[in-house]
């Protein structure tokens, strides 16, 4: 993301606080998803990477 990205958001009516908030939320979800993927966390009927049970 560069300065021009923030400018485009400002052109759409967002202020700096809203841009910062969006940045923090997006960064948080990115972090959490990577942590869960790394731990092999799955939900029912969902397989992440190499964590499938070969006996099933």
N, C-alpha and C. Protein backbone atom coordinates (compact mmCIF):
# COMPACT_ATOMS: atom_id res chain seq x y z
N UNK A 1 0.85 -1.17 0.00
CA UNK A 1 0.00 0.00 0.00
C UNK A 1 0.89 1.22 0.00
N UNK A 2 0.54 2.16 -0.81
CA UNK A 2 1.30 3.40 -0.89
C UNK A 2 0.42 4.60 -0.59
N UNK A 3 1.04 5.76 -0.64
CA UNK A 3 0.32 7.00 -0.36
C UNK A 3 -0.86 7.20 -1.31
N UNK A 4 -0.69 6.76 -2.55
CA UNK A 4 -1.78 6.94 -3.53
C UNK A 4 -3.00 6.11 -3.17
N UNK A 5 -2.80 4.97 -2.48
CA UNK A 5 -3.94 4.16 -2.04
C UNK A 5 -4.77 4.93 -1.01
N UNK A 6 -4.09 5.55 -0.07
CA UNK A 6 -4.79 6.34 0.94
C UNK A 6 -5.50 7.53 0.30
N UNK A 7 -4.87 8.13 -0.69
CA UNK A 7 -5.48 9.26 -1.40
C UNK A 7 -6.77 8.82 -2.08
N UNK A 8 -6.77 7.65 -2.69
CA UNK A 8 -7.98 7.14 -3.34
C UNK A 8 -9.09 6.93 -2.33
N UNK A 9 -8.74 6.45 -1.13
CA UNK A 9 -9.75 6.28 -0.08
C UNK A 9 -10.27 7.62 0.40
N UNK A 10 -9.39 8.59 0.53
CA UNK A 10 -9.83 9.94 0.91
C UNK A 10 -10.77 10.52 -0.15
N UNK A 11 -10.45 10.25 -1.42
CA UNK A 11 -11.31 10.73 -2.51
C UNK A 11 -12.71 10.12 -2.43
N UNK A 12 -12.81 8.93 -1.82
CA UNK A 12 -14.11 8.26 -1.64
C UNK A 12 -14.82 8.72 -0.38
N UNK A 13 -14.19 9.63 0.38
CA UNK A 13 -14.85 10.21 1.55
C UNK A 13 -14.36 9.72 2.90
N UNK A 14 -13.38 8.80 2.94
CA UNK A 14 -12.87 8.33 4.22
C UNK A 14 -11.88 9.33 4.79
N UNK A 15 -11.91 9.49 6.12
CA UNK A 15 -10.90 10.35 6.74
C UNK A 15 -9.75 9.48 7.25
N UNK A 16 -8.71 10.10 7.76
CA UNK A 16 -7.51 9.37 8.18
C UNK A 16 -7.81 8.35 9.28
N UNK A 17 -8.71 8.69 10.19
CA UNK A 17 -9.08 7.77 11.26
C UNK A 17 -9.75 6.52 10.71
N UNK A 18 -10.61 6.68 9.73
CA UNK A 18 -11.29 5.53 9.12
C UNK A 18 -10.31 4.66 8.34
N UNK A 19 -9.37 5.29 7.67
CA UNK A 19 -8.34 4.56 6.93
C UNK A 19 -7.48 3.77 7.91
N UNK A 20 -7.10 4.38 9.01
CA UNK A 20 -6.30 3.70 10.03
C UNK A 20 -7.08 2.52 10.61
N UNK A 21 -8.34 2.73 10.92
CA UNK A 21 -9.15 1.65 11.48
C UNK A 21 -9.25 0.47 10.51
N UNK A 22 -9.50 0.75 9.24
CA UNK A 22 -9.55 -0.32 8.24
C UNK A 22 -8.23 -1.05 8.17
N UNK A 23 -7.12 -0.32 8.19
CA UNK A 23 -5.79 -0.91 8.15
C UNK A 23 -5.58 -1.85 9.33
N UNK A 24 -5.98 -1.43 10.51
CA UNK A 24 -5.79 -2.25 11.70
C UNK A 24 -6.65 -3.51 11.66
N UNK A 25 -7.88 -3.40 11.21
CA UNK A 25 -8.77 -4.55 11.14
C UNK A 25 -8.26 -5.56 10.10
N UNK A 26 -7.87 -5.07 8.94
CA UNK A 26 -7.35 -5.95 7.89
C UNK A 26 -6.07 -6.63 8.35
N UNK A 27 -5.18 -5.88 8.99
CA UNK A 27 -3.95 -6.46 9.51
C UNK A 27 -4.20 -7.51 10.57
N UNK A 28 -5.16 -7.26 11.44
CA UNK A 28 -5.49 -8.22 12.50
C UNK A 28 -6.00 -9.53 11.90
N UNK A 29 -6.95 -9.44 10.96
CA UNK A 29 -7.49 -10.66 10.37
C UNK A 29 -6.42 -11.42 9.59
N UNK A 30 -5.53 -10.71 8.92
CA UNK A 30 -4.43 -11.35 8.22
C UNK A 30 -3.56 -12.12 9.22
N UNK A 31 -3.21 -11.49 10.32
CA UNK A 31 -2.40 -12.12 11.37
C UNK A 31 -3.08 -13.37 11.92
N UNK A 32 -4.35 -13.25 12.30
CA UNK A 32 -5.07 -14.36 12.91
C UNK A 32 -5.19 -15.53 11.93
N UNK A 33 -5.53 -15.25 10.69
CA UNK A 33 -5.66 -16.31 9.70
C UNK A 33 -4.34 -17.04 9.49
N UNK A 34 -3.24 -16.32 9.44
CA UNK A 34 -1.94 -16.96 9.27
C UNK A 34 -1.59 -17.81 10.50
N UNK A 35 -1.89 -17.33 11.68
CA UNK A 35 -1.63 -18.11 12.89
C UNK A 35 -2.45 -19.40 12.89
N UNK A 36 -3.73 -19.29 12.57
CA UNK A 36 -4.59 -20.47 12.56
C UNK A 36 -4.16 -21.46 11.49
N UNK A 37 -3.79 -20.99 10.33
CA UNK A 37 -3.30 -21.87 9.28
C UNK A 37 -2.03 -22.58 9.73
N UNK A 38 -1.13 -21.86 10.37
CA UNK A 38 0.12 -22.44 10.83
C UNK A 38 -0.08 -23.50 11.91
N UNK A 39 -1.15 -23.36 12.68
CA UNK A 39 -1.46 -24.33 13.73
C UNK A 39 -2.30 -25.50 13.23
N UNK A 40 -2.77 -25.38 12.00
CA UNK A 40 -3.59 -26.45 11.43
C UNK A 40 -5.01 -26.45 11.93
N UNK A 41 -5.48 -25.32 12.40
CA UNK A 41 -6.86 -25.23 12.90
C UNK A 41 -7.81 -25.37 11.72
N UNK A 42 -8.80 -26.24 11.90
CA UNK A 42 -9.80 -26.44 10.84
C UNK A 42 -11.19 -26.33 11.43
N UNK A 43 -12.15 -26.21 10.54
CA UNK A 43 -13.55 -26.29 10.94
C UNK A 43 -14.11 -27.57 10.31
N UNK A 44 -15.25 -27.99 10.74
CA UNK A 44 -15.82 -29.24 10.24
C UNK A 44 -15.87 -29.24 8.72
N UNK A 45 -15.43 -30.33 8.12
CA UNK A 45 -15.40 -30.53 6.66
C UNK A 45 -14.45 -29.57 5.95
N UNK A 46 -13.52 -29.00 6.67
CA UNK A 46 -12.54 -28.11 6.06
C UNK A 46 -11.16 -28.63 6.39
N UNK A 47 -10.30 -28.71 5.41
CA UNK A 47 -8.94 -29.20 5.60
C UNK A 47 -7.98 -28.09 5.22
N UNK A 48 -7.01 -27.82 6.10
CA UNK A 48 -6.01 -26.79 5.84
C UNK A 48 -4.68 -27.47 5.54
N UNK A 49 -4.16 -27.25 4.36
CA UNK A 49 -2.83 -27.72 4.01
C UNK A 49 -2.65 -29.21 4.19
N UNK A 50 -1.65 -29.61 4.97
CA UNK A 50 -1.26 -31.00 5.13
C UNK A 50 -1.90 -31.65 6.35
N UNK A 51 -2.98 -31.11 6.86
CA UNK A 51 -3.52 -31.59 8.12
C UNK A 51 -4.68 -32.57 7.93
N UNK A 52 -4.84 -33.11 6.74
CA UNK A 52 -5.89 -34.09 6.53
C UNK A 52 -5.54 -35.38 7.25
N UNK A 53 -6.53 -36.04 7.78
CA UNK A 53 -6.32 -37.32 8.46
C UNK A 53 -6.29 -38.40 7.39
N UNK A 54 -5.14 -39.06 7.18
CA UNK A 54 -5.05 -40.05 6.10
C UNK A 54 -5.91 -41.29 6.35
N UNK A 55 -6.38 -41.52 7.59
CA UNK A 55 -7.20 -42.68 7.91
C UNK A 55 -8.66 -42.50 7.55
N UNK A 56 -9.06 -41.29 7.21
CA UNK A 56 -10.48 -41.04 6.91
C UNK A 56 -10.77 -41.25 5.45
